[in-house]
Amino acid sequence: MFVFGNLLGAIAQVLHMIIQVYIWIVIISALITWVNPDPYNPIVRFLRGSTEPVLYRIRRYLPMAGGIDFSPFILILLLYFVDMFVVRTLSEIAYRIR
């Protein structure tokens, strides 16, 4: 059973790293909206392409308050919740199986 526990532990660690990288992508994407970036820049296109589909779904339910977009903040909170709940749950299950 320790092999399955190690597998779950590895999955939890990889998921944690993916969530952390995506949080930084959301932060950088939000920061570049403060300047006027070139929309044809490949980095800007990657940042927009990787965050806008998720942010758009949040914006549908969240009105803009005073011209400030809170959707990146909400997304980061949701990602931290998933990180704390799902990843820690997988880690705990992996620890108990070992």
PDB file of N, CA and C in Angstrom:
ATOM      1  N   MET A   1       0.810  -1.203   0.000  1.00  0.00           N
ATOM      2  CA  MET A   1       0.000   0.000   0.000  1.00  0.00           C
ATOM      3  C   MET A   1       0.856   1.271   0.000  1.00  0.00           C
ATOM      4  N   PHE A   2       2.109   1.129   0.404  1.00  0.00           N
ATOM      5  CA  PHE A   2       2.958   2.314   0.470  1.00  0.00           C
ATOM      6  C   PHE A   2       3.199   2.916  -0.913  1.00  0.00           C
ATOM      7  N   VAL A   3       3.120   2.081  -1.958  1.00  0.00           N
ATOM      8  CA  VAL A   3       3.314   2.594  -3.316  1.00  0.00           C
ATOM      9  C   VAL A   3       2.169   3.535  -3.672  1.00  0.00           C
ATOM     10  N   PHE A   4       0.936   3.151  -3.341  1.00  0.00           N
ATOM     11  CA  PHE A   4      -0.213   4.017  -3.611  1.00  0.00           C
ATOM     12  C   PHE A   4      -0.131   5.293  -2.780  1.00  0.00           C
ATOM     13  N   GLY A   5       0.356   5.198  -1.556  1.00  0.00           N
ATOM     14  CA  GLY A   5       0.544   6.379  -0.719  1.00  0.00           C
ATOM     15  C   GLY A   5       1.577   7.323  -1.307  1.00  0.00           C
ATOM     16  N   ASN A   6       2.656   6.754  -1.814  1.00  0.00           N
ATOM     17  CA  ASN A   6       3.672   7.596  -2.457  1.00  0.00           C
ATOM     18  C   ASN A   6       3.140   8.240  -3.730  1.00  0.00           C
ATOM     19  N   LEU A   7       2.325   7.494  -4.472  1.00  0.00           N
ATOM     20  CA  LEU A   7       1.717   8.049  -5.679  1.00  0.00           C
ATOM     21  C   LEU A   7       0.807   9.225  -5.336  1.00  0.00           C
ATOM     22  N   LEU A   8      -0.040   9.057  -4.316  1.00  0.00           N
ATOM     23  CA  LEU A   8      -0.915  10.168  -3.909  1.00  0.00           C
ATOM     24  C   LEU A   8      -0.109  11.363  -3.402  1.00  0.00           C
ATOM     25  N   GLY A   9       0.965  11.102  -2.678  1.00  0.00           N
ATOM     26  CA  GLY A   9       1.831  12.192  -2.212  1.00  0.00           C
ATOM     27  C   GLY A   9       2.468  12.941  -3.366  1.00  0.00           C
ATOM     28  N   ALA A  10       2.904  12.206  -4.382  1.00  0.00           N
ATOM     29  CA  ALA A  10       3.500  12.846  -5.553  1.00  0.00           C
ATOM     30  C   ALA A  10       2.476  13.655  -6.327  1.00  0.00           C
ATOM     31  N   ILE A  11       1.273  13.107  -6.473  1.00  0.00           N
ATOM     32  CA  ILE A  11       0.195  13.841  -7.163  1.00  0.00           C
ATOM     33  C   ILE A  11      -0.126  15.123  -6.407  1.00  0.00           C
ATOM     34  N   ALA A  12      -0.165  15.040  -5.078  1.00  0.00           N
ATOM     35  CA  ALA A  12      -0.451  16.227  -4.267  1.00  0.00           C
ATOM     36  C   ALA A  12       0.631  17.285  -4.458  1.00  0.00           C
ATOM     37  N   GLN A  13       1.888  16.881  -4.492  1.00  0.00           N
ATOM     38  CA  GLN A  13       2.986  17.841  -4.669  1.00  0.00           C
ATOM     39  C   GLN A  13       2.954  18.492  -6.046  1.00  0.00           C
ATOM     40  N   VAL A  14       2.706  17.689  -7.071  1.00  0.00           N
ATOM     41  CA  VAL A  14       2.646  18.246  -8.435  1.00  0.00           C
ATOM     42  C   VAL A  14       1.468  19.201  -8.552  1.00  0.00           C
ATOM     43  N   LEU A  15       0.319  18.833  -7.982  1.00  0.00           N
ATOM     44  CA  LEU A  15      -0.847  19.711  -8.014  1.00  0.00           C
ATOM     45  C   LEU A  15      -0.568  21.013  -7.270  1.00  0.00           C
ATOM     46  N   HIS A  16       0.126  20.928  -6.164  1.00  0.00           N
ATOM     47  CA  HIS A  16       0.502  22.127  -5.412  1.00  0.00           C
ATOM     48  C   HIS A  16       1.389  23.052  -6.254  1.00  0.00           C
ATOM     49  N   MET A  17       2.372  22.478  -6.951  1.00  0.00           N
ATOM     50  CA  MET A  17       3.257  23.294  -7.784  1.00  0.00           C
ATOM     51  C   MET A  17       2.498  23.931  -8.950  1.00  0.00           C
ATOM     52  N   ILE A  18       1.591  23.193  -9.566  1.00  0.00           N
ATOM     53  CA  ILE A  18       0.805  23.733 -10.679  1.00  0.00           C
ATOM     54  C   ILE A  18      -0.061  24.887 -10.197  1.00  0.00           C
ATOM     55  N   ILE A  19      -0.685  24.733  -9.042  1.00  0.00           N
ATOM     56  CA  ILE A  19      -1.532  25.805  -8.503  1.00  0.00           C
ATOM     57  C   ILE A  19      -0.692  27.035  -8.188  1.00  0.00           C
ATOM     58  N   GLN A  20       0.488  26.849  -7.607  1.00  0.00           N
ATOM     59  CA  GLN A  20       1.349  27.988  -7.280  1.00  0.00           C
ATOM     60  C   GLN A  20       1.806  28.726  -8.537  1.00  0.00           C
ATOM     61  N   VAL A  21       2.164  27.995  -9.571  1.00  0.00           N
ATOM     62  CA  VAL A  21       2.571  28.632 -10.828  1.00  0.00           C
ATOM     63  C   VAL A  21       1.406  29.399 -11.431  1.00  0.00           C
ATOM     64  N   TYR A  22       0.209  28.816 -11.396  1.00  0.00           N
ATOM     65  CA  TYR A  22      -0.950  29.498 -11.970  1.00  0.00           C
ATOM     66  C   TYR A  22      -1.316  30.744 -11.171  1.00  0.00           C
ATOM     67  N   ILE A  23      -1.119  30.717  -9.857  1.00  0.00           N
ATOM     68  CA  ILE A  23      -1.353  31.920  -9.049  1.00  0.00           C
ATOM     69  C   ILE A  23      -0.420  33.036  -9.502  1.00  0.00           C
ATOM     70  N   TRP A  24       0.832  32.713  -9.758  1.00  0.00           N
ATOM     71  CA  TRP A  24       1.772  33.739 -10.237  1.00  0.00           C
ATOM     72  C   TRP A  24       1.405  34.230 -11.628  1.00  0.00           C
ATOM     73  N   ILE A  25       0.903  33.342 -12.471  1.00  0.00           N
ATOM     74  CA  ILE A  25       0.458  33.768 -13.802  1.00  0.00           C
ATOM     75  C   ILE A  25      -0.706  34.744 -13.677  1.00  0.00           C
ATOM     76  N   VAL A  26      -1.638  34.483 -12.763  1.00  0.00           N
ATOM     77  CA  VAL A  26      -2.773  35.388 -12.550  1.00  0.00           C
ATOM     78  C   VAL A  26      -2.285  36.733 -12.015  1.00  0.00           C
ATOM     79  N   ILE A  27      -1.345  36.714 -11.088  1.00  0.00           N
ATOM     80  CA  ILE A  27      -0.812  37.963 -10.529  1.00  0.00           C
ATOM     81  C   ILE A  27      -0.120  38.786 -11.612  1.00  0.00           C
ATOM     82  N   ILE A  28       0.722  38.147 -12.408  1.00  0.00           N
ATOM     83  CA  ILE A  28       1.428  38.876 -13.468  1.00  0.00           C
ATOM     84  C   ILE A  28       0.450  39.392 -14.509  1.00  0.00           C
ATOM     85  N   SER A  29      -0.559  38.589 -14.835  1.00  0.00           N
ATOM     86  CA  SER A  29      -1.561  39.027 -15.799  1.00  0.00           C
ATOM     87  C   SER A  29      -2.330  40.242 -15.281  1.00  0.00           C
ATOM     88  N   ALA A  30      -2.632  40.258 -13.989  1.00  0.00           N
ATOM     89  CA  ALA A  30      -3.329  41.407 -13.412  1.00  0.00           C
ATOM     90  C   ALA A  30      -2.430  42.642 -13.388  1.00  0.00           C
ATOM     91  N   LEU A  31      -1.156  42.447 -13.133  1.00  0.00           N
ATOM     92  CA  LEU A  31      -0.235  43.589 -13.083  1.00  0.00           C
ATOM     93  C   LEU A  31      -0.011  44.217 -14.453  1.00  0.00           C
ATOM     94  N   ILE A  32       0.004  43.404 -15.507  1.00  0.00           N
ATOM     95  CA  ILE A  32       0.240  44.002 -16.823  1.00  0.00           C
ATOM     96  C   ILE A  32      -0.964  44.773 -17.329  1.00  0.00           C
ATOM     97  N   THR A  33      -2.124  44.608 -16.699  1.00  0.00           N
ATOM     98  CA  THR A  33      -3.277  45.408 -17.119  1.00  0.00           C
ATOM     99  C   THR A  33      -3.128  46.869 -16.672  1.00  0.00           C
ATOM    100  N   TRP A  34      -2.208  47.147 -15.762  1.00  0.00           N
ATOM    101  CA  TRP A  34      -1.988  48.515 -15.306  1.00  0.00           C
ATOM    102  C   TRP A  34      -1.226  49.341 -16.323  1.00  0.00           C
ATOM    103  N   VAL A  35      -0.533  48.684 -17.224  1.00  0.00           N
ATOM    104  CA  VAL A  35       0.183  49.373 -18.305  1.00  0.00           C
ATOM    105  C   VAL A  35      -0.519  49.019 -19.614  1.00  0.00           C
ATOM    106  N   ASN A  36      -0.079  49.611 -20.673  1.00  0.00           N
ATOM    107  CA  ASN A  36      -0.683  49.327 -21.976  1.00  0.00           C
ATOM    108  C   ASN A  36       0.241  48.374 -22.744  1.00  0.00           C
ATOM    109  N   PRO A  37       0.087  47.050 -22.518  1.00  0.00           N
ATOM    110  CA  PRO A  37       1.005  46.109 -23.177  1.00  0.00           C
ATOM    111  C   PRO A  37       0.650  45.913 -24.642  1.00  0.00           C
ATOM    112  N   ASP A  38       1.633  45.505 -25.404  1.00  0.00           N
ATOM    113  CA  ASP A  38       1.427  45.192 -26.811  1.00  0.00           C
ATOM    114  C   ASP A  38       0.614  43.904 -26.907  1.00  0.00           C
ATOM    115  N   PRO A  39      -0.597  43.944 -27.486  1.00  0.00           N
ATOM    116  CA  PRO A  39      -1.429  42.736 -27.528  1.00  0.00           C
ATOM    117  C   PRO A  39      -0.862  41.637 -28.421  1.00  0.00           C
ATOM    118  N   TYR A  40       0.120  41.951 -29.250  1.00  0.00           N
ATOM    119  CA  TYR A  40       0.718  40.948 -30.126  1.00  0.00           C
ATOM    120  C   TYR A  40       1.982  40.321 -29.546  1.00  0.00           C
ATOM    121  N   ASN A  41       2.386  40.766 -28.371  1.00  0.00           N
ATOM    122  CA  ASN A  41       3.531  40.186 -27.691  1.00  0.00           C
ATOM    123  C   ASN A  41       3.167  38.763 -27.276  1.00  0.00           C
ATOM    124  N   PRO A  42       4.032  37.784 -27.552  1.00  0.00           N
ATOM    125  CA  PRO A  42       3.699  36.399 -27.227  1.00  0.00           C
ATOM    126  C   PRO A  42       3.513  36.149 -25.727  1.00  0.00           C
ATOM    127  N   ILE A  43       4.250  36.861 -24.903  1.00  0.00           N
ATOM    128  CA  ILE A  43       4.096  36.680 -23.453  1.00  0.00           C
ATOM    129  C   ILE A  43       2.741  37.202 -23.006  1.00  0.00           C
ATOM    130  N   VAL A  44       2.354  38.367 -23.513  1.00  0.00           N
ATOM    131  CA  VAL A  44       1.055  38.938 -23.168  1.00  0.00           C
ATOM    132  C   VAL A  44      -0.065  38.035 -23.677  1.00  0.00           C
ATOM    133  N   ARG A  45       0.098  37.504 -24.863  1.00  0.00           N
ATOM    134  CA  ARG A  45      -0.920  36.599 -25.415  1.00  0.00           C
ATOM    135  C   ARG A  45      -1.034  35.329 -24.583  1.00  0.00           C
ATOM    136  N   PHE A  46       0.101  34.800 -24.119  1.00  0.00           N
ATOM    137  CA  PHE A  46       0.056  33.615 -23.262  1.00  0.00           C
ATOM    138  C   PHE A  46      -0.650  33.921 -21.948  1.00  0.00           C
ATOM    139  N   LEU A  47      -0.294  35.048 -21.317  1.00  0.00           N
ATOM    140  CA  LEU A  47      -0.906  35.404 -20.043  1.00  0.00           C
ATOM    141  C   LEU A  47      -2.409  35.605 -20.181  1.00  0.00           C
ATOM    142  N   ARG A  48      -2.804  36.322 -21.211  1.00  0.00           N
ATOM    143  CA  ARG A  48      -4.236  36.542 -21.439  1.00  0.00           C
ATOM    144  C   ARG A  48      -4.957  35.239 -21.785  1.00  0.00           C
ATOM    145  N   GLY A  49      -4.337  34.444 -22.637  1.00  0.00           N
ATOM    146  CA  GLY A  49      -4.968  33.197 -23.054  1.00  0.00           C
ATOM    147  C   GLY A  49      -5.112  32.184 -21.932  1.00  0.00           C
ATOM    148  N   SER A  50      -4.204  32.231 -20.971  1.00  0.00           N
ATOM    149  CA  SER A  50      -4.272  31.268 -19.878  1.00  0.00           C
ATOM    150  C   SER A  50      -5.132  31.735 -18.709  1.00  0.00           C
ATOM    151  N   THR A  51      -5.406  33.042 -18.617  1.00  0.00           N
ATOM    152  CA  THR A  51      -6.198  33.524 -17.478  1.00  0.00           C
ATOM    153  C   THR A  51      -7.593  34.010 -17.854  1.00  0.00           C
ATOM    154  N   GLU A  52      -7.758  34.545 -19.037  1.00  0.00           N
ATOM    155  CA  GLU A  52      -9.050  35.142 -19.395  1.00  0.00           C
ATOM    156  C   GLU A  52     -10.226  34.166 -19.391  1.00  0.00           C
ATOM    157  N   PRO A  53     -10.080  32.914 -19.842  1.00  0.00           N
ATOM    158  CA  PRO A  53     -11.259  32.023 -19.775  1.00  0.00           C
ATOM    159  C   PRO A  53     -11.778  31.823 -18.357  1.00  0.00           C
ATOM    160  N   VAL A  54     -10.877  31.738 -17.387  1.00  0.00           N
ATOM    161  CA  VAL A  54     -11.306  31.550 -16.002  1.00  0.00           C
ATOM    162  C   VAL A  54     -11.816  32.865 -15.420  1.00  0.00           C
ATOM    163  N   LEU A  55     -11.094  33.943 -15.686  1.00  0.00           N
ATOM    164  CA  LEU A  55     -11.515  35.242 -15.153  1.00  0.00           C
ATOM    165  C   LEU A  55     -12.853  35.687 -15.737  1.00  0.00           C
ATOM    166  N   TYR A  56     -13.112  35.333 -16.984  1.00  0.00           N
ATOM    167  CA  TYR A  56     -14.380  35.699 -17.613  1.00  0.00           C
ATOM    168  C   TYR A  56     -15.554  35.061 -16.881  1.00  0.00           C
ATOM    169  N   ARG A  57     -15.395  33.810 -16.475  1.00  0.00           N
ATOM    170  CA  ARG A  57     -16.474  33.130 -15.750  1.00  0.00           C
ATOM    171  C   ARG A  57     -16.738  33.783 -14.401  1.00  0.00           C
ATOM    172  N   ILE A  58     -15.689  34.264 -13.761  1.00  0.00           N
ATOM    173  CA  ILE A  58     -15.868  34.950 -12.475  1.00  0.00           C
ATOM    174  C   ILE A  58     -16.495  36.318 -12.697  1.00  0.00           C
ATOM    175  N   ARG A  59     -16.081  37.015 -13.747  1.00  0.00           N
ATOM    176  CA  ARG A  59     -16.618  38.357 -14.024  1.00  0.00           C
ATOM    177  C   ARG A  59     -18.111  38.334 -14.332  1.00  0.00           C
ATOM    178  N   ARG A  60     -18.611  37.228 -14.859  1.00  0.00           N
ATOM    179  CA  ARG A  60     -20.050  37.141 -15.156  1.00  0.00           C
ATOM    180  C   ARG A  60     -20.879  37.273 -13.888  1.00  0.00           C
ATOM    181  N   TYR A  61     -20.356  36.791 -12.768  1.00  0.00           N
ATOM    182  CA  TYR A  61     -21.102  36.811 -11.509  1.00  0.00           C
ATOM    183  C   TYR A  61     -20.683  37.928 -10.571  1.00  0.00           C
ATOM    184  N   LEU A  62     -19.578  38.574 -10.868  1.00  0.00           N
ATOM    185  CA  LEU A  62     -19.039  39.592  -9.983  1.00  0.00           C
ATOM    186  C   LEU A  62     -19.047  40.948 -10.688  1.00  0.00           C
ATOM    187  N   PRO A  63     -19.868  41.882 -10.226  1.00  0.00           N
ATOM    188  CA  PRO A  63     -19.869  43.197 -10.884  1.00  0.00           C
ATOM    189  C   PRO A  63     -18.604  43.980 -10.532  1.00  0.00           C
ATOM    190  N   MET A  64     -18.213  44.859 -11.440  1.00  0.00           N
ATOM    191  CA  MET A  64     -17.053  45.716 -11.179  1.00  0.00           C
ATOM    192  C   MET A  64     -17.462  46.811 -10.203  1.00  0.00           C
ATOM    193  N   ALA A  65     -16.673  46.995  -9.174  1.00  0.00           N
ATOM    194  CA  ALA A  65     -16.971  47.983  -8.140  1.00  0.00           C
ATOM    195  C   ALA A  65     -16.067  49.189  -8.347  1.00  0.00           C
ATOM    196  N   GLY A  66     -16.620  50.268  -8.827  1.00  0.00           N
ATOM    197  CA  GLY A  66     -15.850  51.492  -9.004  1.00  0.00           C
ATOM    198  C   GLY A  66     -14.764  51.376 -10.050  1.00  0.00           C
ATOM    199  N   GLY A  67     -14.949  50.536 -11.039  1.00  0.00           N
ATOM    200  CA  GLY A  67     -13.961  50.375 -12.095  1.00  0.00           C
ATOM    201  C   GLY A  67     -12.807  49.456 -11.730  1.00  0.00           C
ATOM    202  N   ILE A  68     -12.894  48.817 -10.576  1.00  0.00           N
ATOM    203  CA  ILE A  68     -11.841  47.901 -10.138  1.00  0.00           C
ATOM    204  C   ILE A  68     -12.307  46.473 -10.382  1.00  0.00           C
ATOM    205  N   ASP A  69     -11.459  45.690 -11.027  1.00  0.00           N
ATOM    206  CA  ASP A  69     -11.775  44.305 -11.327  1.00  0.00           C
ATOM    207  C   ASP A  69     -11.246  43.409 -10.204  1.00  0.00           C
ATOM    208  N   PHE A  70     -12.152  42.810  -9.455  1.00  0.00           N
ATOM    209  CA  PHE A  70     -11.768  41.946  -8.347  1.00  0.00           C
ATOM    210  C   PHE A  70     -11.676  40.476  -8.734  1.00  0.00           C
ATOM    211  N   SER A  71     -11.882  40.153 -10.006  1.00  0.00           N
ATOM    212  CA  SER A  71     -11.878  38.750 -10.413  1.00  0.00           C
ATOM    213  C   SER A  71     -10.521  38.065 -10.204  1.00  0.00           C
ATOM    214  N   PRO A  72      -9.373  38.718 -10.439  1.00  0.00           N
ATOM    215  CA  PRO A  72      -8.112  38.028 -10.123  1.00  0.00           C
ATOM    216  C   PRO A  72      -7.969  37.710  -8.633  1.00  0.00           C
ATOM    217  N   PHE A  73      -8.429  38.609  -7.791  1.00  0.00           N
ATOM    218  CA  PHE A  73      -8.367  38.379  -6.348  1.00  0.00           C
ATOM    219  C   PHE A  73      -9.237  37.189  -5.952  1.00  0.00           C
ATOM    220  N   ILE A  74     -10.445  37.118  -6.499  1.00  0.00           N
ATOM    221  CA  ILE A  74     -11.353  36.005  -6.211  1.00  0.00           C
ATOM    222  C   ILE A  74     -10.752  34.694  -6.714  1.00  0.00           C
ATOM    223  N   LEU A  75     -10.157  34.720  -7.909  1.00  0.00           N
ATOM    224  CA  LEU A  75      -9.539  33.516  -8.459  1.00  0.00           C
ATOM    225  C   LEU A  75      -8.374  33.051  -7.591  1.00  0.00           C
ATOM    226  N   ILE A  76      -7.572  33.971  -7.111  1.00  0.00           N
ATOM    227  CA  ILE A  76      -6.455  33.599  -6.244  1.00  0.00           C
ATOM    228  C   ILE A  76      -6.973  32.998  -4.936  1.00  0.00           C
ATOM    229  N   LEU A  77      -8.037  33.570  -4.385  1.00  0.00           N
ATOM    230  CA  LEU A  77      -8.625  32.995  -3.170  1.00  0.00           C
ATOM    231  C   LEU A  77      -9.138  31.580  -3.426  1.00  0.00           C
ATOM    232  N   LEU A  78      -9.794  31.369  -4.559  1.00  0.00           N
ATOM    233  CA  LEU A  78     -10.285  30.038  -4.899  1.00  0.00           C
ATOM    234  C   LEU A  78      -9.132  29.054  -5.087  1.00  0.00           C
ATOM    235  N   LEU A  79      -8.068  29.502  -5.729  1.00  0.00           N
ATOM    236  CA  LEU A  79      -6.914  28.625  -5.922  1.00  0.00           C
ATOM    237  C   LEU A  79      -6.244  28.271  -4.597  1.00  0.00           C
ATOM    238  N   TYR A  80      -6.162  29.236  -3.675  1.00  0.00           N
ATOM    239  CA  TYR A  80      -5.612  28.935  -2.359  1.00  0.00           C
ATOM    240  C   TYR A  80      -6.509  27.959  -1.606  1.00  0.00           C
ATOM    241  N   PHE A  81      -7.821  28.106  -1.757  1.00  0.00           N
ATOM    242  CA  PHE A  81      -8.742  27.165  -1.115  1.00  0.00           C
ATOM    243  C   PHE A  81      -8.522  25.753  -1.657  1.00  0.00           C
ATOM    244  N   VAL A  82      -8.429  25.629  -2.974  1.00  0.00           N
ATOM    245  CA  VAL A  82      -8.186  24.309  -3.578  1.00  0.00           C
ATOM    246  C   VAL A  82      -6.847  23.759  -3.101  1.00  0.00           C
ATOM    247  N   ASP A  83      -5.849  24.622  -3.027  1.00  0.00           N
ATOM    248  CA  ASP A  83      -4.535  24.189  -2.566  1.00  0.00           C
ATOM    249  C   ASP A  83      -4.604  23.696  -1.126  1.00  0.00           C
ATOM    250  N   MET A  84      -5.264  24.446  -0.276  1.00  0.00           N
ATOM    251  CA  MET A  84      -5.326  24.056   1.133  1.00  0.00           C
ATOM    252  C   MET A  84      -6.221  22.846   1.353  1.00  0.00           C
ATOM    253  N   PHE A  85      -7.318  22.756   0.646  1.00  0.00           N
ATOM    254  CA  PHE A  85      -8.264  21.671   0.897  1.00  0.00           C
ATOM    255  C   PHE A  85      -7.879  20.398   0.148  1.00  0.00           C
ATOM    256  N   VAL A  86      -7.802  20.466  -1.153  1.00  0.00           N
ATOM    257  CA  VAL A  86      -7.584  19.263  -1.963  1.00  0.00           C
ATOM    258  C   VAL A  86      -6.172  18.723  -1.783  1.00  0.00           C
ATOM    259  N   VAL A  87      -5.186  19.593  -1.890  1.00  0.00           N
ATOM    260  CA  VAL A  87      -3.805  19.132  -1.807  1.00  0.00           C
ATOM    261  C   VAL A  87      -3.504  18.603  -0.406  1.00  0.00           C
ATOM    262  N   ARG A  88      -3.952  19.303   0.614  1.00  0.00           N
ATOM    263  CA  ARG A  88      -3.703  18.804   1.974  1.00  0.00           C
ATOM    264  C   ARG A  88      -4.461  17.520   2.240  1.00  0.00           C
ATOM    265  N   THR A  89      -5.659  17.391   1.699  1.00  0.00           N
ATOM    266  CA  THR A  89      -6.415  16.152   1.864  1.00  0.00           C
ATOM    267  C   THR A  89      -5.691  14.991   1.194  1.00  0.00           C
ATOM    268  N   LEU A  90      -5.205  15.200  -0.022  1.00  0.00           N
ATOM    269  CA  LEU A  90      -4.445  14.152  -0.696  1.00  0.00           C
ATOM    270  C   LEU A  90      -3.175  13.806   0.072  1.00  0.00           C
ATOM    271  N   SER A  91      -2.511  14.814   0.609  1.00  0.00           N
ATOM    272  CA  SER A  91      -1.293  14.572   1.381  1.00  0.00           C
ATOM    273  C   SER A  91      -1.596  13.778   2.639  1.00  0.00           C
ATOM    274  N   GLU A  92      -2.666  14.118   3.320  1.00  0.00           N
ATOM    275  CA  GLU A  92      -3.050  13.391   4.534  1.00  0.00           C
ATOM    276  C   GLU A  92      -3.425  11.953   4.232  1.00  0.00           C
ATOM    277  N   ILE A  93      -4.174  11.744   3.157  1.00  0.00           N
ATOM    278  CA  ILE A  93      -4.520  10.374   2.771  1.00  0.00           C
ATOM    279  C   ILE A  93      -3.260   9.584   2.444  1.00  0.00           C
ATOM    280  N   ALA A  94      -2.334  10.213   1.720  1.00  0.00           N
ATOM    281  CA  ALA A  94      -1.080   9.544   1.370  1.00  0.00           C
ATOM    282  C   ALA A  94      -0.273   9.196   2.627  1.00  0.00           C
ATOM    283  N   TYR A  95      -0.263  10.113   3.588  1.00  0.00           N
ATOM    284  CA  TYR A  95       0.484   9.868   4.828  1.00  0.00           C
ATOM    285  C   TYR A  95      -0.125   8.716   5.623  1.00  0.00           C
ATOM    286  N   ARG A  96      -1.460   8.646   5.658  1.00  0.00           N
ATOM    287  CA  ARG A  96      -2.126   7.589   6.438  1.00  0.00           C
ATOM    288  C   ARG A  96      -2.018   6.230   5.752  1.00  0.00           C
ATOM    289  N   ILE A  97      -1.892   6.215   4.433  1.00  0.00           N
ATOM    290  CA  ILE A  97      -1.771   4.944   3.729  1.00  0.00           C
ATOM    291  C   ILE A  97      -0.381   4.334   3.922  1.00  0.00           C
ATOM    292  N   ARG A  98       0.627   5.187   4.032  1.00  0.00           N
ATOM    293  CA  ARG A  98       2.012   4.683   4.129  1.00  0.00           C
ATOM    294  C   ARG A  98       2.224   3.866   5.336  1.00  0.00           C
TER     295      ARG A  98
END
